[in-house]
Amino acid sequence: MKLLFNKFAGLVVFMCIFAFSTDSFAQRTITGVVTDELGDGVIGANVLAVGTSTGTVTDFDGSYSLELPEGATQIEFSYIGYTTQTLDVGASDVLDIQMQE
């Protein structure tokens, strides 16, 4: 019984250490919508965390969700025929943008 308790206690300690260590490397999820000048969603626009290789593309209604790596402070939005724009993330987890031709 004592051996079983020791294994259980060791597992609990391991799980606590794992949980706290993953929190220290937590990433923010930034979401938003990329629209054109008419307010329609831009399908397939590139969304990139500046200075990293982390990025995504918008879906059929212009929505995106990006796991922002630790230390990244800007997001770049680009699409063929539109001006590439870079925005500071700030404190908000929602970042919408209107692309300019």
PDB file of N, CA and C in Angstrom:
ATOM      1  N   MET A   1       0.823  -1.193   0.000  1.00  0.00           N
ATOM      2  CA  MET A   1       0.000   0.000   0.000  1.00  0.00           C
ATOM      3  C   MET A   1       0.861   1.248   0.000  1.00  0.00           C
ATOM      4  N   LYS A   2       1.943   1.217   0.803  1.00  0.00           N
ATOM      5  CA  LYS A   2       2.836   2.370   0.889  1.00  0.00           C
ATOM      6  C   LYS A   2       3.521   2.617  -0.459  1.00  0.00           C
ATOM      7  N   LEU A   3       3.911   1.554  -1.173  1.00  0.00           N
ATOM      8  CA  LEU A   3       4.551   1.672  -2.469  1.00  0.00           C
ATOM      9  C   LEU A   3       3.587   2.300  -3.482  1.00  0.00           C
ATOM     10  N   LEU A   4       2.327   1.892  -3.448  1.00  0.00           N
ATOM     11  CA  LEU A   4       1.316   2.459  -4.332  1.00  0.00           C
ATOM     12  C   LEU A   4       1.121   3.948  -4.056  1.00  0.00           C
ATOM     13  N   PHE A   5       1.102   4.323  -2.783  1.00  0.00           N
ATOM     14  CA  PHE A   5       0.962   5.735  -2.413  1.00  0.00           C
ATOM     15  C   PHE A   5       2.157   6.545  -2.908  1.00  0.00           C
ATOM     16  N   ASN A   6       3.371   6.012  -2.778  1.00  0.00           N
ATOM     17  CA  ASN A   6       4.574   6.714  -3.238  1.00  0.00           C
ATOM     18  C   ASN A   6       4.556   6.933  -4.745  1.00  0.00           C
ATOM     19  N   LYS A   7       4.099   5.944  -5.495  1.00  0.00           N
ATOM     20  CA  LYS A   7       4.003   6.098  -6.952  1.00  0.00           C
ATOM     21  C   LYS A   7       2.963   7.151  -7.301  1.00  0.00           C
ATOM     22  N   PHE A   8       1.837   7.130  -6.601  1.00  0.00           N
ATOM     23  CA  PHE A   8       0.790   8.119  -6.840  1.00  0.00           C
ATOM     24  C   PHE A   8       1.293   9.523  -6.502  1.00  0.00           C
ATOM     25  N   ALA A   9       1.993   9.678  -5.387  1.00  0.00           N
ATOM     26  CA  ALA A   9       2.529  10.976  -4.985  1.00  0.00           C
ATOM     27  C   ALA A   9       3.548  11.470  -6.008  1.00  0.00           C
ATOM     28  N   GLY A  10       4.377  10.566  -6.510  1.00  0.00           N
ATOM     29  CA  GLY A  10       5.356  10.939  -7.535  1.00  0.00           C
ATOM     30  C   GLY A  10       4.674  11.399  -8.812  1.00  0.00           C
ATOM     31  N   LEU A  11       3.586  10.733  -9.192  1.00  0.00           N
ATOM     32  CA  LEU A  11       2.827  11.122 -10.380  1.00  0.00           C
ATOM     33  C   LEU A  11       2.209  12.503 -10.199  1.00  0.00           C
ATOM     34  N   VAL A  12       1.667  12.781  -9.035  1.00  0.00           N
ATOM     35  CA  VAL A  12       1.072  14.088  -8.755  1.00  0.00           C
ATOM     36  C   VAL A  12       2.133  15.184  -8.834  1.00  0.00           C
ATOM     37  N   VAL A  13       3.282  14.947  -8.265  1.00  0.00           N
ATOM     38  CA  VAL A  13       4.377  15.933  -8.314  1.00  0.00           C
ATOM     39  C   VAL A  13       4.801  16.167  -9.754  1.00  0.00           C
ATOM     40  N   PHE A  14       4.954  15.107 -10.529  1.00  0.00           N
ATOM     41  CA  PHE A  14       5.326  15.233 -11.937  1.00  0.00           C
ATOM     42  C   PHE A  14       4.295  16.048 -12.702  1.00  0.00           C
ATOM     43  N   MET A  15       3.019  15.786 -12.496  1.00  0.00           N
ATOM     44  CA  MET A  15       1.954  16.513 -13.194  1.00  0.00           C
ATOM     45  C   MET A  15       1.973  17.997 -12.826  1.00  0.00           C
ATOM     46  N   CYS A  16       2.231  18.305 -11.566  1.00  0.00           N
ATOM     47  CA  CYS A  16       2.301  19.713 -11.139  1.00  0.00           C
ATOM     48  C   CYS A  16       3.471  20.421 -11.800  1.00  0.00           C
ATOM     49  N   ILE A  17       4.614  19.783 -11.823  1.00  0.00           N
ATOM     50  CA  ILE A  17       5.795  20.383 -12.465  1.00  0.00           C
ATOM     51  C   ILE A  17       5.532  20.594 -13.950  1.00  0.00           C
ATOM     52  N   PHE A  18       4.941  19.624 -14.603  1.00  0.00           N
ATOM     53  CA  PHE A  18       4.629  19.731 -16.030  1.00  0.00           C
ATOM     54  C   PHE A  18       3.653  20.870 -16.283  1.00  0.00           C
ATOM     55  N   ALA A  19       2.612  20.982 -15.475  1.00  0.00           N
ATOM     56  CA  ALA A  19       1.610  22.028 -15.659  1.00  0.00           C
ATOM     57  C   ALA A  19       2.216  23.416 -15.486  1.00  0.00           C
ATOM     58  N   PHE A  20       3.042  23.602 -14.478  1.00  0.00           N
ATOM     59  CA  PHE A  20       3.653  24.912 -14.250  1.00  0.00           C
ATOM     60  C   PHE A  20       4.700  25.244 -15.303  1.00  0.00           C
ATOM     61  N   SER A  21       5.409  24.257 -15.799  1.00  0.00           N
ATOM     62  CA  SER A  21       6.431  24.539 -16.807  1.00  0.00           C
ATOM     63  C   SER A  21       5.803  24.905 -18.142  1.00  0.00           C
ATOM     64  N   THR A  22       4.665  24.334 -18.501  1.00  0.00           N
ATOM     65  CA  THR A  22       4.022  24.687 -19.762  1.00  0.00           C
ATOM     66  C   THR A  22       3.391  26.068 -19.684  1.00  0.00           C
ATOM     67  N   ASP A  23       2.966  26.508 -18.503  1.00  0.00           N
ATOM     68  CA  ASP A  23       2.424  27.851 -18.371  1.00  0.00           C
ATOM     69  C   ASP A  23       3.480  28.916 -18.609  1.00  0.00           C
ATOM     70  N   SER A  24       4.717  28.628 -18.270  1.00  0.00           N
ATOM     71  CA  SER A  24       5.774  29.620 -18.451  1.00  0.00           C
ATOM     72  C   SER A  24       6.101  29.823 -19.926  1.00  0.00           C
ATOM     73  N   PHE A  25       5.719  28.894 -20.780  1.00  0.00           N
ATOM     74  CA  PHE A  25       5.939  29.030 -22.210  1.00  0.00           C
ATOM     75  C   PHE A  25       4.623  29.243 -22.951  1.00  0.00           C
ATOM     76  N   ALA A  26       3.638  29.773 -22.265  1.00  0.00           N
ATOM     77  CA  ALA A  26       2.311  29.932 -22.842  1.00  0.00           C
ATOM     78  C   ALA A  26       2.335  30.917 -24.004  1.00  0.00           C
ATOM     79  N   GLN A  27       1.510  30.628 -24.977  1.00  0.00           N
ATOM     80  CA  GLN A  27       1.361  31.484 -26.134  1.00  0.00           C
ATOM     81  C   GLN A  27      -0.019  32.130 -26.085  1.00  0.00           C
ATOM     82  N   ARG A  28      -0.115  33.304 -26.650  1.00  0.00           N
ATOM     83  CA  ARG A  28      -1.408  33.971 -26.773  1.00  0.00           C
ATOM     84  C   ARG A  28      -2.048  33.588 -28.084  1.00  0.00           C
ATOM     85  N   THR A  29      -3.350  33.468 -28.075  1.00  0.00           N
ATOM     86  CA  THR A  29      -4.088  33.247 -29.305  1.00  0.00           C
ATOM     87  C   THR A  29      -4.713  34.567 -29.726  1.00  0.00           C
ATOM     88  N   ILE A  30      -4.324  35.029 -30.907  1.00  0.00           N
ATOM     89  CA  ILE A  30      -4.865  36.257 -31.470  1.00  0.00           C
ATOM     90  C   ILE A  30      -5.855  35.862 -32.554  1.00  0.00           C
ATOM     91  N   THR A  31      -7.032  36.449 -32.520  1.00  0.00           N
ATOM     92  CA  THR A  31      -8.045  36.180 -33.535  1.00  0.00           C
ATOM     93  C   THR A  31      -8.483  37.492 -34.164  1.00  0.00           C
ATOM     94  N   GLY A  32      -9.132  37.393 -35.297  1.00  0.00           N
ATOM     95  CA  GLY A  32      -9.642  38.593 -35.946  1.00  0.00           C
ATOM     96  C   GLY A  32     -10.200  38.282 -37.314  1.00  0.00           C
ATOM     97  N   VAL A  33     -10.547  39.364 -38.021  1.00  0.00           N
ATOM     98  CA  VAL A  33     -11.106  39.254 -39.367  1.00  0.00           C
ATOM     99  C   VAL A  33     -10.356  40.222 -40.271  1.00  0.00           C
ATOM    100  N   VAL A  34      -9.982  39.742 -41.449  1.00  0.00           N
ATOM    101  CA  VAL A  34      -9.346  40.573 -42.466  1.00  0.00           C
ATOM    102  C   VAL A  34     -10.399  40.872 -43.524  1.00  0.00           C
ATOM    103  N   THR A  35     -10.652  42.166 -43.757  1.00  0.00           N
ATOM    104  CA  THR A  35     -11.676  42.568 -44.723  1.00  0.00           C
ATOM    105  C   THR A  35     -11.069  43.439 -45.814  1.00  0.00           C
ATOM    106  N   ASP A  36     -11.798  43.566 -46.923  1.00  0.00           N
ATOM    107  CA  ASP A  36     -11.382  44.471 -47.993  1.00  0.00           C
ATOM    108  C   ASP A  36     -12.059  45.827 -47.785  1.00  0.00           C
ATOM    109  N   GLU A  37     -11.923  46.721 -48.749  1.00  0.00           N
ATOM    110  CA  GLU A  37     -12.459  48.075 -48.613  1.00  0.00           C
ATOM    111  C   GLU A  37     -13.983  48.116 -48.552  1.00  0.00           C
ATOM    112  N   LEU A  38     -14.632  47.047 -49.028  1.00  0.00           N
ATOM    113  CA  LEU A  38     -16.096  46.982 -48.987  1.00  0.00           C
ATOM    114  C   LEU A  38     -16.612  46.301 -47.722  1.00  0.00           C
ATOM    115  N   GLY A  39     -15.710  45.805 -46.904  1.00  0.00           N
ATOM    116  CA  GLY A  39     -16.094  45.124 -45.675  1.00  0.00           C
ATOM    117  C   GLY A  39     -16.290  43.630 -45.823  1.00  0.00           C
ATOM    118  N   ASP A  40     -15.992  43.097 -47.016  1.00  0.00           N
ATOM    119  CA  ASP A  40     -16.100  41.651 -47.243  1.00  0.00           C
ATOM    120  C   ASP A  40     -14.834  40.955 -46.743  1.00  0.00           C
ATOM    121  N   GLY A  41     -14.988  39.745 -46.230  1.00  0.00           N
ATOM    122  CA  GLY A  41     -13.845  38.983 -45.752  1.00  0.00           C
ATOM    123  C   GLY A  41     -12.904  38.620 -46.884  1.00  0.00           C
ATOM    124  N   VAL A  42     -11.611  38.702 -46.626  1.00  0.00           N
ATOM    125  CA  VAL A  42     -10.584  38.353 -47.613  1.00  0.00           C
ATOM    126  C   VAL A  42     -10.184  36.899 -47.378  1.00  0.00           C
ATOM    127  N   ILE A  43     -10.447  36.056 -48.375  1.00  0.00           N
ATOM    128  CA  ILE A  43     -10.147  34.629 -48.270  1.00  0.00           C
ATOM    129  C   ILE A  43      -8.681  34.386 -48.606  1.00  0.00           C
ATOM    130  N   GLY A  44      -7.953  33.693 -47.744  1.00  0.00           N
ATOM    131  CA  GLY A  44      -6.579  33.293 -48.029  1.00  0.00           C
ATOM    132  C   GLY A  44      -5.531  34.369 -47.804  1.00  0.00           C
ATOM    133  N   ALA A  45      -5.843  35.404 -47.038  1.00  0.00           N
ATOM    134  CA  ALA A  45      -4.838  36.414 -46.712  1.00  0.00           C
ATOM    135  C   ALA A  45      -3.813  35.810 -45.763  1.00  0.00           C
ATOM    136  N   ASN A  46      -2.556  36.215 -45.897  1.00  0.00           N
ATOM    137  CA  ASN A  46      -1.474  35.718 -45.041  1.00  0.00           C
ATOM    138  C   ASN A  46      -1.412  36.530 -43.759  1.00  0.00           C
ATOM    139  N   VAL A  47      -1.294  35.843 -42.642  1.00  0.00           N
ATOM    140  CA  VAL A  47      -1.176  36.468 -41.324  1.00  0.00           C
ATOM    141  C   VAL A  47       0.077  35.871 -40.680  1.00  0.00           C
ATOM    142  N   LEU A  48       1.079  36.725 -40.392  1.00  0.00           N
ATOM    143  CA  LEU A  48       2.375  36.250 -39.927  1.00  0.00           C
ATOM    144  C   LEU A  48       2.823  37.020 -38.700  1.00  0.00           C
ATOM    145  N   ALA A  49       3.296  36.307 -37.681  1.00  0.00           N
ATOM    146  CA  ALA A  49       3.914  36.940 -36.518  1.00  0.00           C
ATOM    147  C   ALA A  49       5.294  37.416 -36.958  1.00  0.00           C
ATOM    148  N   VAL A  50       5.518  38.739 -36.925  1.00  0.00           N
ATOM    149  CA  VAL A  50       6.764  39.331 -37.419  1.00  0.00           C
ATOM    150  C   VAL A  50       7.961  38.803 -36.633  1.00  0.00           C
ATOM    151  N   GLY A  51       9.014  38.431 -37.371  1.00  0.00           N
ATOM    152  CA  GLY A  51      10.232  37.933 -36.751  1.00  0.00           C
ATOM    153  C   GLY A  51      10.205  36.454 -36.421  1.00  0.00           C
ATOM    154  N   THR A  52       9.141  35.760 -36.828  1.00  0.00           N
ATOM    155  CA  THR A  52       9.018  34.323 -36.582  1.00  0.00           C
ATOM    156  C   THR A  52       8.603  33.629 -37.867  1.00  0.00           C
ATOM    157  N   SER A  53       8.503  32.335 -37.815  1.00  0.00           N
ATOM    158  CA  SER A  53       7.978  31.572 -38.951  1.00  0.00           C
ATOM    159  C   SER A  53       6.555  31.113 -38.670  1.00  0.00           C
ATOM    160  N   THR A  54       5.912  31.704 -37.668  1.00  0.00           N
ATOM    161  CA  THR A  54       4.556  31.333 -37.282  1.00  0.00           C
ATOM    162  C   THR A  54       3.562  32.172 -38.063  1.00  0.00           C
ATOM    163  N   GLY A  55       2.656  31.501 -38.742  1.00  0.00           N
ATOM    164  CA  GLY A  55       1.655  32.214 -39.518  1.00  0.00           C
ATOM    165  C   GLY A  55       0.460  31.347 -39.819  1.00  0.00           C
ATOM    166  N   THR A  56      -0.510  31.965 -40.477  1.00  0.00           N
ATOM    167  CA  THR A  56      -1.721  31.262 -40.870  1.00  0.00           C
ATOM    168  C   THR A  56      -2.329  32.005 -42.050  1.00  0.00           C
ATOM    169  N   VAL A  57      -3.435  31.500 -42.566  1.00  0.00           N
ATOM    170  CA  VAL A  57      -4.191  32.180 -43.620  1.00  0.00           C
ATOM    171  C   VAL A  57      -5.637  32.301 -43.164  1.00  0.00           C
ATOM    172  N   THR A  58      -6.317  33.290 -43.720  1.00  0.00           N
ATOM    173  CA  THR A  58      -7.717  33.508 -43.351  1.00  0.00           C
ATOM    174  C   THR A  58      -8.613  32.466 -44.014  1.00  0.00           C
ATOM    175  N   ASP A  59      -9.759  32.197 -43.374  1.00  0.00           N
ATOM    176  CA  ASP A  59     -10.695  31.220 -43.919  1.00  0.00           C
ATOM    177  C   ASP A  59     -11.682  31.900 -44.873  1.00  0.00           C
ATOM    178  N   PHE A  60     -12.781  31.225 -45.205  1.00  0.00           N
ATOM    179  CA  PHE A  60     -13.713  31.693 -46.219  1.00  0.00           C
ATOM    180  C   PHE A  60     -14.419  33.007 -45.880  1.00  0.00           C
ATOM    181  N   ASP A  61     -14.461  33.398 -44.618  1.00  0.00           N
ATOM    182  CA  ASP A  61     -15.085  34.681 -44.267  1.00  0.00           C
ATOM    183  C   ASP A  61     -14.063  35.704 -43.768  1.00  0.00           C
ATOM    184  N   GLY A  62     -12.772  35.418 -43.965  1.00  0.00           N
ATOM    185  CA  GLY A  62     -11.716  36.355 -43.585  1.00  0.00           C
ATOM    186  C   GLY A  62     -11.236  36.210 -42.154  1.00  0.00           C
ATOM    187  N   SER A  63     -11.757  35.229 -41.424  1.00  0.00           N
ATOM    188  CA  SER A  63     -11.363  35.031 -40.021  1.00  0.00           C
ATOM    189  C   SER A  63     -10.042  34.291 -39.922  1.00  0.00           C
ATOM    190  N   TYR A  64      -9.305  34.571 -38.855  1.00  0.00           N
ATOM    191  CA  TYR A  64      -8.056  33.870 -38.599  1.00  0.00           C
ATOM    192  C   TYR A  64      -7.889  33.666 -37.097  1.00  0.00           C
ATOM    193  N   SER A  65      -7.030  32.732 -36.751  1.00  0.00           N
ATOM    194  CA  SER A  65      -6.628  32.479 -35.378  1.00  0.00           C
ATOM    195  C   SER A  65      -5.146  32.145 -35.419  1.00  0.00           C
ATOM    196  N   LEU A  66      -4.342  32.870 -34.629  1.00  0.00           N
ATOM    197  CA  LEU A  66      -2.895  32.734 -34.674  1.00  0.00           C
ATOM    198  C   LEU A  66      -2.349  32.570 -33.266  1.00  0.00           C
ATOM    199  N   GLU A  67      -1.567  31.494 -33.054  1.00  0.00           N
ATOM    200  CA  GLU A  67      -0.861  31.290 -31.790  1.00  0.00           C
ATOM    201  C   GLU A  67       0.378  32.177 -31.821  1.00  0.00           C
ATOM    202  N   LEU A  68       0.341  33.276 -31.096  1.00  0.00           N
ATOM    203  CA  LEU A  68       1.431  34.247 -31.102  1.00  0.00           C
ATOM    204  C   LEU A  68       2.553  33.761 -30.191  1.00  0.00           C
ATOM    205  N   PRO A  69       3.749  33.529 -30.753  1.00  0.00           N
ATOM    206  CA  PRO A  69       4.864  33.057 -29.923  1.00  0.00           C
ATOM    207  C   PRO A  69       5.267  34.094 -28.879  1.00  0.00           C
ATOM    208  N   GLU A  70       5.871  33.614 -27.804  1.00  0.00           N
ATOM    209  CA  GLU A  70       6.376  34.478 -26.738  1.00  0.00           C
ATOM    210  C   GLU A  70       7.336  35.507 -27.333  1.00  0.00           C
ATOM    211  N   GLY A  71       7.149  36.768 -27.010  1.00  0.00           N
ATOM    212  CA  GLY A  71       8.038  37.834 -27.463  1.00  0.00           C
ATOM    213  C   GLY A  71       7.615  38.510 -28.753  1.00  0.00           C
ATOM    214  N   ALA A  72       6.719  37.898 -29.525  1.00  0.00           N
ATOM    215  CA  ALA A  72       6.243  38.516 -30.766  1.00  0.00           C
ATOM    216  C   ALA A  72       5.279  39.647 -30.428  1.00  0.00           C
ATOM    217  N   THR A  73       5.476  40.804 -31.043  1.00  0.00           N
ATOM    218  CA  THR A  73       4.660  41.980 -30.717  1.00  0.00           C
ATOM    219  C   THR A  73       3.944  42.566 -31.916  1.00  0.00           C
ATOM    220  N   GLN A  74       4.241  42.057 -33.123  1.00  0.00           N
ATOM    221  CA  GLN A  74       3.610  42.589 -34.327  1.00  0.00           C
ATOM    222  C   GLN A  74       3.116  41.455 -35.216  1.00  0.00           C
ATOM    223  N   ILE A  75       2.047  41.774 -35.967  1.00  0.00           N
ATOM    224  CA  ILE A  75       1.504  40.834 -36.939  1.00  0.00           C
ATOM    225  C   ILE A  75       1.474  41.520 -38.294  1.00  0.00           C
ATOM    226  N   GLU A  76       1.902  40.780 -39.318  1.00  0.00           N
ATOM    227  CA  GLU A  76       1.915  41.297 -40.686  1.00  0.00           C
ATOM    228  C   GLU A  76       0.793  40.631 -41.480  1.00  0.00           C
ATOM    229  N   PHE A  77       0.045  41.452 -42.211  1.00  0.00           N
ATOM    230  CA  PHE A  77      -1.061  40.977 -43.034  1.00  0.00           C
ATOM    231  C   PHE A  77      -0.715  41.272 -44.493  1.00  0.00           C
ATOM    232  N   SER A  78      -0.848  40.275 -45.352  1.00  0.00           N
ATOM    233  CA  SER A  78      -0.555  40.492 -46.769  1.00  0.00           C
ATOM    234  C   SER A  78      -1.498  39.669 -47.635  1.00  0.00           C
ATOM    235  N   TYR A  79      -1.705  40.206 -48.854  1.00  0.00           N
ATOM    236  CA  TYR A  79      -2.537  39.529 -49.843  1.00  0.00           C
ATOM    237  C   TYR A  79      -2.223  40.151 -51.193  1.00  0.00           C
ATOM    238  N   ILE A  80      -2.222  39.354 -52.236  1.00  0.00           N
ATOM    239  CA  ILE A  80      -1.896  39.847 -53.571  1.00  0.00           C
ATOM    240  C   ILE A  80      -2.880  40.948 -53.969  1.00  0.00           C
ATOM    241  N   GLY A  81      -2.329  42.070 -54.433  1.00  0.00           N
ATOM    242  CA  GLY A  81      -3.147  43.198 -54.866  1.00  0.00           C
ATOM    243  C   GLY A  81      -3.439  44.190 -53.752  1.00  0.00           C
ATOM    244  N   TYR A  82      -3.011  43.891 -52.533  1.00  0.00           N
ATOM    245  CA  TYR A  82      -3.235  44.770 -51.386  1.00  0.00           C
ATOM    246  C   TYR A  82      -1.895  45.147 -50.760  1.00  0.00           C
ATOM    247  N   THR A  83      -1.871  46.296 -50.100  1.00  0.00           N
ATOM    248  CA  THR A  83      -0.674  46.747 -49.410  1.00  0.00           C
ATOM    249  C   THR A  83      -0.443  45.903 -48.168  1.00  0.00           C
ATOM    250  N   THR A  84       0.800  45.437 -47.986  1.00  0.00           N
ATOM    251  CA  THR A  84       1.161  44.700 -46.775  1.00  0.00           C
ATOM    252  C   THR A  84       1.104  45.657 -45.590  1.00  0.00           C
ATOM    253  N   GLN A  85       0.455  45.221 -44.514  1.00  0.00           N
ATOM    254  CA  GLN A  85       0.308  46.061 -43.329  1.00  0.00           C
ATOM    255  C   GLN A  85       0.830  45.316 -42.101  1.00  0.00           C
ATOM    256  N   THR A  86       1.492  46.063 -41.219  1.00  0.00           N
ATOM    257  CA  THR A  86       2.007  45.506 -39.967  1.00  0.00           C
ATOM    258  C   THR A  86       1.364  46.257 -38.816  1.00  0.00           C
ATOM    259  N   LEU A  87       0.797  45.502 -37.865  1.00  0.00           N
ATOM    260  CA  LEU A  87       0.129  46.104 -36.713  1.00  0.00           C
ATOM    261  C   LEU A  87       0.744  45.595 -35.421  1.00  0.00           C
ATOM    262  N   ASP A  88       0.810  46.480 -34.414  1.00  0.00           N
ATOM    263  CA  ASP A  88       1.218  46.083 -33.068  1.00  0.00           C
ATOM    264  C   ASP A  88       0.076  45.327 -32.410  1.00  0.00           C
ATOM    265  N   VAL A  89       0.410  44.274 -31.703  1.00  0.00           N
ATOM    266  CA  VAL A  89      -0.614  43.442 -31.073  1.00  0.00           C
ATOM    267  C   VAL A  89      -1.237  44.146 -29.876  1.00  0.00           C
ATOM    268  N   GLY A  90      -0.444  44.717 -29.000  1.00  0.00           N
ATOM    269  CA  GLY A  90      -0.976  45.368 -27.807  1.00  0.00           C
ATOM    270  C   GLY A  90      -1.568  44.361 -26.837  1.00  0.00           C
ATOM    271  N   ALA A  91      -2.514  44.818 -26.025  1.00  0.00           N
ATOM    272  CA  ALA A  91      -3.098  43.980 -24.979  1.00  0.00           C
ATOM    273  C   ALA A  91      -4.300  43.173 -25.455  1.00  0.00           C
ATOM    274  N   SER A  92      -4.882  43.558 -26.570  1.00  0.00           N
ATOM    275  CA  SER A  92      -6.093  42.897 -27.054  1.00  0.00           C
ATOM    276  C   SER A  92      -5.764  41.560 -27.706  1.00  0.00           C
ATOM    277  N   ASP A  93      -6.679  40.610 -27.572  1.00  0.00           N
ATOM    278  CA  ASP A  93      -6.542  39.315 -28.227  1.00  0.00           C
ATOM    279  C   ASP A  93      -7.328  39.258 -29.531  1.00  0.00           C
ATOM    280  N   VAL A  94      -7.982  40.370 -29.889  1.00  0.00           N
ATOM    281  CA  VAL A  94      -8.740  40.454 -31.134  1.00  0.00           C
ATOM    282  C   VAL A  94      -8.153  41.588 -31.960  1.00  0.00           C
ATOM    283  N   LEU A  95      -7.784  41.281 -33.201  1.00  0.00           N
ATOM    284  CA  LEU A  95      -7.158  42.264 -34.069  1.00  0.00           C
ATOM    285  C   LEU A  95      -7.774  42.146 -35.458  1.00  0.00           C
ATOM    286  N   ASP A  96      -8.695  43.057 -35.769  1.00  0.00           N
ATOM    287  CA  ASP A  96      -9.325  43.112 -37.088  1.00  0.00           C
ATOM    288  C   ASP A  96      -8.587  44.136 -37.937  1.00  0.00           C
ATOM    289  N   ILE A  97      -8.590  43.926 -39.255  1.00  0.00           N
ATOM    290  CA  ILE A  97      -7.902  44.845 -40.157  1.00  0.00           C
ATOM    291  C   ILE A  97      -8.636  44.945 -41.469  1.00  0.00           C
ATOM    292  N   GLN A  98      -8.608  46.137 -42.049  1.00  0.00           N
ATOM    293  CA  GLN A  98      -9.162  46.361 -43.376  1.00  0.00           C
ATOM    294  C   GLN A  98      -7.991  46.572 -44.331  1.00  0.00           C
ATOM    295  N   MET A  99      -7.874  45.706 -45.329  1.00  0.00           N
ATOM    296  CA  MET A  99      -6.781  45.790 -46.295  1.00  0.00           C
ATOM    297  C   MET A  99      -7.029  46.949 -47.262  1.00  0.00           C
ATOM    298  N   GLN A 100      -5.935  47.559 -47.728  1.00  0.00           N
ATOM    299  CA  GLN A 100      -5.999  48.664 -48.687  1.00  0.00           C
ATOM    300  C   GLN A 100      -5.376  48.222 -50.001  1.00  0.00           C
ATOM    301  N   GLU A 101      -6.038  48.554 -51.119  1.00  0.00           N
ATOM    302  CA  GLU A 101      -5.498  48.187 -52.433  1.00  0.00           C
ATOM    303  C   GLU A 101      -4.240  48.942 -52.724  1.00  0.00           C
TER     304      GLU A 101
END
